[in-house]
Amino acid sequence: MRSAAIRIQELDDSQLEEFVDLWASQKSKLYVSVERVGGANDKGRDVIGF
């Protein structure tokens, strides 16, 4: 069985963004809001929580 870290490394860009979005949403107690923003000029921020 492969570790979770190995499986995460195998995700493509879109799948990784979706995974992080879902993970951050599950941590919603820590954030007021979670947004998936990706795209041009996002400065590498595909998912943000605040």
C-alpha atoms as a PDB file:
ATOM      1  CA  MET A   1       0.000   0.000   0.000  1.00  0.00           C
ATOM      2  CA  ARG A   2       1.347   3.411  -0.963  1.00  0.00           C
ATOM      3  CA  SER A   3       1.432   6.136   1.660  1.00  0.00           C
ATOM      4  CA  ALA A   4      -0.913   9.125   1.479  1.00  0.00           C
ATOM      5  CA  ALA A   5       2.071  11.390   0.739  1.00  0.00           C
ATOM      6  CA  ILE A   6       2.972   9.350  -2.353  1.00  0.00           C
ATOM      7  CA  ARG A   7      -0.623   9.384  -3.585  1.00  0.00           C
ATOM      8  CA  ILE A   8      -0.858  13.160  -3.108  1.00  0.00           C
ATOM      9  CA  GLN A   9       2.344  13.641  -5.134  1.00  0.00           C
ATOM     10  CA  GLU A  10       0.741  11.717  -8.006  1.00  0.00           C
ATOM     11  CA  LEU A  11      -2.229  14.104  -8.323  1.00  0.00           C
ATOM     12  CA  ASP A  12      -2.273  16.437 -11.323  1.00  0.00           C
ATOM     13  CA  ASP A  13      -2.615  20.191 -10.747  1.00  0.00           C
ATOM     14  CA  SER A  14      -6.399  20.252 -10.919  1.00  0.00           C
ATOM     15  CA  GLN A  15      -6.787  17.221  -8.654  1.00  0.00           C
ATOM     16  CA  LEU A  16      -4.392  18.733  -6.107  1.00  0.00           C
ATOM     17  CA  GLU A  17      -6.345  22.014  -6.058  1.00  0.00           C
ATOM     18  CA  GLU A  18      -9.566  20.082  -5.499  1.00  0.00           C
ATOM     19  CA  PHE A  19      -7.961  18.001  -2.728  1.00  0.00           C
ATOM     20  CA  VAL A  20      -6.659  21.101  -0.913  1.00  0.00           C
ATOM     21  CA  ASP A  21     -10.031  22.826  -1.309  1.00  0.00           C
ATOM     22  CA  LEU A  22     -11.814  19.836   0.261  1.00  0.00           C
ATOM     23  CA  TRP A  23      -9.202  19.545   3.032  1.00  0.00           C
ATOM     24  CA  ALA A  24      -9.390  23.248   3.906  1.00  0.00           C
ATOM     25  CA  SER A  25     -13.188  23.125   3.869  1.00  0.00           C
ATOM     26  CA  GLN A  26     -13.034  20.311   6.441  1.00  0.00           C
ATOM     27  CA  LYS A  27     -10.881  22.600   8.593  1.00  0.00           C
ATOM     28  CA  SER A  28     -13.617  25.229   8.433  1.00  0.00           C
ATOM     29  CA  LYS A  29     -13.508  25.738  12.209  1.00  0.00           C
ATOM     30  CA  LEU A  30     -10.130  27.381  11.630  1.00  0.00           C
ATOM     31  CA  TYR A  31     -11.295  29.635   8.773  1.00  0.00           C
ATOM     32  CA  VAL A  32     -14.139  32.084   8.228  1.00  0.00           C
ATOM     33  CA  SER A  33     -14.147  31.206   4.533  1.00  0.00           C
ATOM     34  CA  VAL A  34     -12.283  28.967   2.061  1.00  0.00           C
ATOM     35  CA  GLU A  35     -12.092  29.867  -1.634  1.00  0.00           C
ATOM     36  CA  ARG A  36     -10.587  28.116  -4.647  1.00  0.00           C
ATOM     37  CA  VAL A  37      -9.158  30.923  -6.773  1.00  0.00           C
ATOM     38  CA  GLY A  38      -6.634  29.440  -9.261  1.00  0.00           C
ATOM     39  CA  GLY A  39      -5.917  31.015 -12.608  1.00  0.00           C
ATOM     40  CA  ALA A  40      -3.634  33.623 -14.111  1.00  0.00           C
ATOM     41  CA  ASN A  41      -2.050  36.093 -11.695  1.00  0.00           C
ATOM     42  CA  ASP A  42      -3.064  34.090  -8.606  1.00  0.00           C
ATOM     43  CA  LYS A  43       0.539  34.331  -7.294  1.00  0.00           C
ATOM     44  CA  GLY A  44       0.529  30.569  -6.705  1.00  0.00           C
ATOM     45  CA  ARG A  45      -2.492  30.691  -4.437  1.00  0.00           C
ATOM     46  CA  ASP A  46      -5.010  28.189  -5.695  1.00  0.00           C
ATOM     47  CA  VAL A  47      -6.968  27.788  -2.460  1.00  0.00           C
ATOM     48  CA  ILE A  48      -7.093  30.420   0.279  1.00  0.00           C
ATOM     49  CA  GLY A  49      -8.578  30.334   3.740  1.00  0.00           C
ATOM     50  CA  PHE A  50      -9.232  33.359   5.879  1.00  0.00           C
END
